[in-house]
Protein backbone atom coordinates (compact mmCIF):
# COMPACT_ATOMS: atom_id res chain seq x y z
CA MET A 1 8.16 6.03 13.04
CA ARG A 2 11.90 6.28 12.37
CA ILE A 3 12.58 8.24 9.18
CA THR A 4 15.79 9.04 7.31
CA VAL A 5 15.67 11.99 4.91
CA PHE A 6 18.41 12.38 2.30
CA GLY A 7 18.72 15.93 1.02
CA ALA A 8 17.40 17.23 4.33
CA ALA A 9 18.81 20.75 3.94
CA GLY A 10 17.07 21.40 0.63
CA ASN A 11 13.80 23.23 0.15
CA ALA A 12 11.64 20.12 -0.11
CA GLY A 13 13.67 17.96 2.28
CA SER A 14 13.70 20.52 5.07
CA ARG A 15 9.92 20.76 4.93
CA VAL A 16 9.55 16.99 5.05
CA VAL A 17 11.81 16.93 8.11
CA ALA A 18 9.79 19.67 9.82
CA GLU A 19 6.45 17.99 9.07
CA ALA A 20 7.68 14.61 10.32
CA LEU A 21 8.99 16.11 13.55
CA THR A 22 5.72 17.97 14.11
CA ARG A 23 3.96 14.60 13.95
CA GLY A 24 6.27 13.10 16.56
CA HIS A 25 8.44 10.93 14.34
CA GLU A 26 12.15 10.33 14.92
CA VAL A 27 14.03 11.91 12.01
CA THR A 28 17.59 11.42 10.82
CA ALA A 29 18.42 14.38 8.57
CA VAL A 30 21.19 13.56 6.08
CA VAL A 31 23.36 15.93 4.06
CA ARG A 32 26.50 15.17 2.07
CA ASP A 33 28.61 17.78 3.84
CA ALA A 34 28.72 17.99 7.64
CA THR A 35 29.36 21.73 7.39
CA ARG A 36 25.66 22.04 6.49
CA PHE A 37 24.49 20.66 9.83
CA ALA A 38 23.74 24.23 10.96
CA ALA A 39 21.07 24.43 8.24
CA LEU A 40 19.23 21.36 9.56
CA HIS A 41 16.28 21.29 11.93
CA PRO A 42 17.59 21.12 15.52
CA GLY A 43 15.02 18.48 16.42
CA ALA A 44 16.50 15.93 14.01
CA THR A 45 19.57 13.72 14.31
CA HIS A 46 22.19 15.09 11.94
CA ARG A 47 24.26 12.74 9.80
CA ALA A 48 26.56 13.09 6.81
CA GLY A 49 26.05 10.70 3.93
CA ASP A 50 25.61 10.42 0.18
CA ALA A 51 22.47 8.92 -1.34
CA GLY A 52 24.61 8.06 -4.35
CA ASN A 53 26.71 5.70 -2.22
CA PRO A 54 24.91 2.38 -1.53
CA GLY A 55 27.07 1.79 1.53
CA HIS A 56 26.01 5.08 3.07
CA VAL A 57 22.37 4.29 2.26
CA ALA A 58 22.61 0.86 3.90
CA GLU A 59 24.19 2.33 7.03
CA LEU A 60 21.76 5.23 7.39
CA SER A 61 18.66 3.15 6.70
CA ALA A 62 19.45 0.37 9.19
CA GLY A 63 16.70 0.16 11.78
CA GLN A 64 14.59 2.78 10.02
CA ASP A 65 10.98 2.43 8.92
CA LEU A 66 11.22 4.83 6.01
CA VAL A 67 13.80 6.52 3.81
CA VAL A 68 12.82 9.69 1.94
CA ASN A 69 14.92 10.85 -1.00
CA ALA A 70 14.70 14.62 -1.39
CA THR A 71 18.01 15.06 -3.19
CA ARG A 72 18.25 17.15 -6.34
CA PRO A 73 21.21 17.14 -8.73
CA ALA A 74 23.24 20.27 -9.21
CA PRO A 75 22.98 22.02 -12.59
CA GLY A 76 25.03 20.05 -15.08
CA ARG A 77 24.80 16.88 -12.97
CA GLU A 78 21.24 15.93 -13.93
CA ARG A 79 22.34 12.47 -15.03
CA ASP A 80 23.04 11.70 -11.36
CA HIS A 81 19.30 11.57 -10.64
CA PRO A 82 18.55 8.02 -11.88
CA ALA A 83 21.94 6.82 -10.62
CA VAL A 84 21.06 8.00 -7.10
CA THR A 85 17.77 6.12 -7.36
CA ARG A 86 19.58 2.91 -8.23
CA SER A 87 21.99 3.51 -5.34
CA LEU A 88 19.09 3.91 -2.91
CA LEU A 89 17.53 0.66 -4.07
CA ALA A 90 20.87 -1.14 -3.78
CA GLY A 91 21.53 0.23 -0.31
CA LEU A 92 18.04 -0.59 0.90
CA ALA A 93 18.09 -4.14 -0.46
CA ALA A 94 19.30 -5.59 2.83
CA HIS A 95 16.48 -3.84 4.69
CA ALA A 96 13.72 -4.40 2.12
CA ALA A 97 11.56 -6.34 4.57
CA THR A 98 11.39 -3.47 7.04
CA THR A 99 12.26 -0.17 5.36
CA ARG A 100 10.20 1.62 2.72
CA LEU A 101 11.38 4.25 0.24
CA ILE A 102 9.57 7.43 -0.82
CA VAL A 103 11.15 9.40 -3.65
CA ILE A 104 10.30 13.04 -4.30
CA GLY A 105 10.21 13.27 -8.05
CA GLY A 106 9.12 15.63 -10.80
CA ALA A 107 6.00 16.53 -12.73
CA GLY A 108 7.37 15.98 -16.24
CA SER A 109 6.25 12.36 -16.50
CA LEU A 110 2.62 13.20 -15.70
CA THR A 111 0.15 13.34 -18.58
CA VAL A 112 -1.43 16.64 -19.59
CA PRO A 113 -5.10 16.80 -18.57
CA GLY A 114 -7.63 16.95 -21.36
CA ARG A 115 -5.34 15.33 -23.90
CA THR A 116 -6.19 11.93 -25.34
CA ASP A 117 -2.81 11.30 -26.96
CA GLY A 118 -0.87 10.69 -23.73
CA ARG A 119 1.11 13.92 -24.07
CA LEU A 120 3.46 14.38 -21.11
CA ALA A 121 3.89 17.57 -19.14
CA ILE A 122 7.56 17.66 -20.14
CA ASP A 123 6.46 18.23 -23.74
CA ASP A 124 4.06 21.06 -22.89
CA PRO A 125 5.82 24.42 -22.37
CA ARG A 126 2.87 25.67 -20.30
CA TYR A 127 4.03 23.32 -17.56
CA VAL A 128 7.70 22.64 -18.31
CA PRO A 129 9.44 25.67 -19.85
CA ALA A 130 12.60 25.06 -21.84
CA ALA A 131 14.74 26.24 -18.92
CA TRP A 132 13.38 23.41 -16.76
CA ARG A 133 13.67 20.65 -19.35
CA HIS A 134 17.05 19.30 -18.18
CA ILE A 135 15.84 18.60 -14.64
CA ALA A 136 12.50 17.34 -15.95
CA GLU A 137 14.27 14.82 -18.18
CA ALA A 138 16.39 13.73 -15.22
CA SER A 139 13.29 13.29 -13.06
CA ASN A 140 11.61 11.23 -15.77
CA ALA A 141 14.71 9.01 -15.86
CA GLN A 142 14.57 8.83 -12.06
CA TYR A 143 10.99 7.56 -12.22
CA GLU A 144 11.85 5.03 -14.92
CA ALA A 145 14.73 3.74 -12.77
CA LEU A 146 12.19 2.85 -10.10
CA ARG A 147 9.59 1.41 -12.46
CA SER A 148 12.10 -0.83 -14.23
CA ALA A 149 13.98 -1.98 -11.12
CA ASP A 150 14.05 -5.63 -10.14
CA THR A 151 13.84 -5.00 -6.41
CA GLU A 152 12.13 -6.17 -3.24
CA VAL A 153 12.15 -2.62 -1.87
CA SER A 154 8.70 -1.14 -1.32
CA TRP A 155 8.86 2.25 -3.05
CA THR A 156 6.55 5.17 -3.73
CA TYR A 157 7.23 8.01 -6.16
CA VAL A 158 5.59 11.35 -5.42
CA SER A 159 5.23 13.90 -8.22
CA PRO A 160 4.55 17.50 -7.27
CA SER A 161 2.59 19.83 -9.50
CA ALA A 162 4.37 21.83 -12.19
CA HIS A 163 4.99 24.80 -9.90
CA PHE A 164 6.57 23.46 -6.72
CA GLU A 165 7.82 26.19 -4.44
CA PRO A 166 7.91 27.21 -0.77
CA GLY A 167 4.62 28.67 0.35
CA ALA A 168 1.78 28.27 2.82
CA ARG A 169 0.80 25.17 4.78
CA THR A 170 -2.94 25.06 4.12
CA GLY A 171 -3.78 21.37 4.32
CA ALA A 172 -6.11 21.86 1.36
CA PHE A 173 -4.89 19.91 -1.67
CA ARG A 174 -5.85 17.09 -3.99
CA LEU A 175 -4.20 13.78 -4.82
CA GLY A 176 -3.99 12.24 -8.26
CA LYS A 177 -2.23 9.38 -9.96
CA ASP A 178 -0.61 9.85 -13.36
CA GLU A 179 -2.30 13.02 -14.65
CA LEU A 180 -1.11 16.53 -13.85
CA LEU A 181 -3.48 18.28 -11.45
CA VAL A 182 -4.62 21.74 -12.57
CA ASP A 183 -7.09 24.26 -11.23
CA GLY A 184 -10.02 25.80 -13.10
CA GLU A 185 -7.71 28.21 -14.90
CA GLY A 186 -5.27 25.51 -15.96
CA ASN A 187 -2.62 26.35 -13.36
CA SER A 188 -0.68 23.50 -11.74
CA ALA A 189 0.87 24.25 -8.35
CA ILE A 190 1.54 22.94 -4.86
CA SER A 191 3.47 24.46 -1.98
CA MET A 192 6.33 22.46 -0.51
CA GLU A 193 4.61 22.70 2.87
CA ASP A 194 1.40 21.06 1.64
CA PHE A 195 3.40 18.54 -0.39
CA ALA A 196 5.14 17.51 2.85
CA ILE A 197 1.76 16.91 4.46
CA ALA A 198 0.74 14.59 1.63
CA LEU A 199 4.05 12.75 1.77
CA LEU A 200 3.80 12.15 5.53
CA ASP A 201 0.18 11.05 5.15
CA GLU A 202 1.44 8.39 2.74
CA ALA A 203 4.26 7.49 5.12
CA GLU A 204 1.82 6.91 7.97
CA ALA A 205 -0.87 5.16 5.94
CA PRO A 206 0.70 3.68 2.78
CA ARG A 207 -1.61 3.45 -0.21
CA HIS A 208 0.78 3.52 -3.16
CA HIS A 209 2.95 0.40 -3.18
CA ARG A 210 5.46 0.51 -6.02
CA ALA A 211 3.37 3.23 -7.59
CA ARG A 212 3.29 6.98 -8.13
CA PHE A 213 0.87 9.62 -6.96
CA THR A 214 0.78 13.37 -7.41
CA VAL A 215 -0.24 16.33 -5.26
CA GLY A 216 -1.78 19.63 -6.35
CA TYR A 217 -4.38 22.29 -5.69
């Protein structure tokens, strides 16, 4: 499979690149600034490009089977998140028949388990502390940009658990749909390494067409 990863030097993106290469896929790792090429996996093809530029997206997705968006807005630029999503859809429009899109999103739009009122994780400080609310709101807007889009692009939105950090690659995780996954003590977590496994599983055997799923322990 030929895969383009935007945001390939970031924590999540770099792990997606590594997992894809381990599975034998051809990976184009994209960063906005070519000076960051040294931070990219040496087994990938390195390209400079901006996911917020539809022209760049169209160029870097030509001939590819899958585009993964692992970009994350800088502090203070959270409003860029949904705009980048719309740019990806616009850039992929010409390749909609052949190229799928997987977007790494957030946990804030997931519902809190055990609640019957539809309460979202973003409104529960156990899962989204006040310091995280800006990026959680941006990720919710990112998800809504996909859900409301009039597009032929086949997309999948992947929500991590509330705590999403580098860690161990265990291969032991659960998948869910729209409800936050928690363990027996109410904790919600997934390592970026195991998240990358779940994402590449979906890439290789798609099950969520124009839908969201979540990953957690």
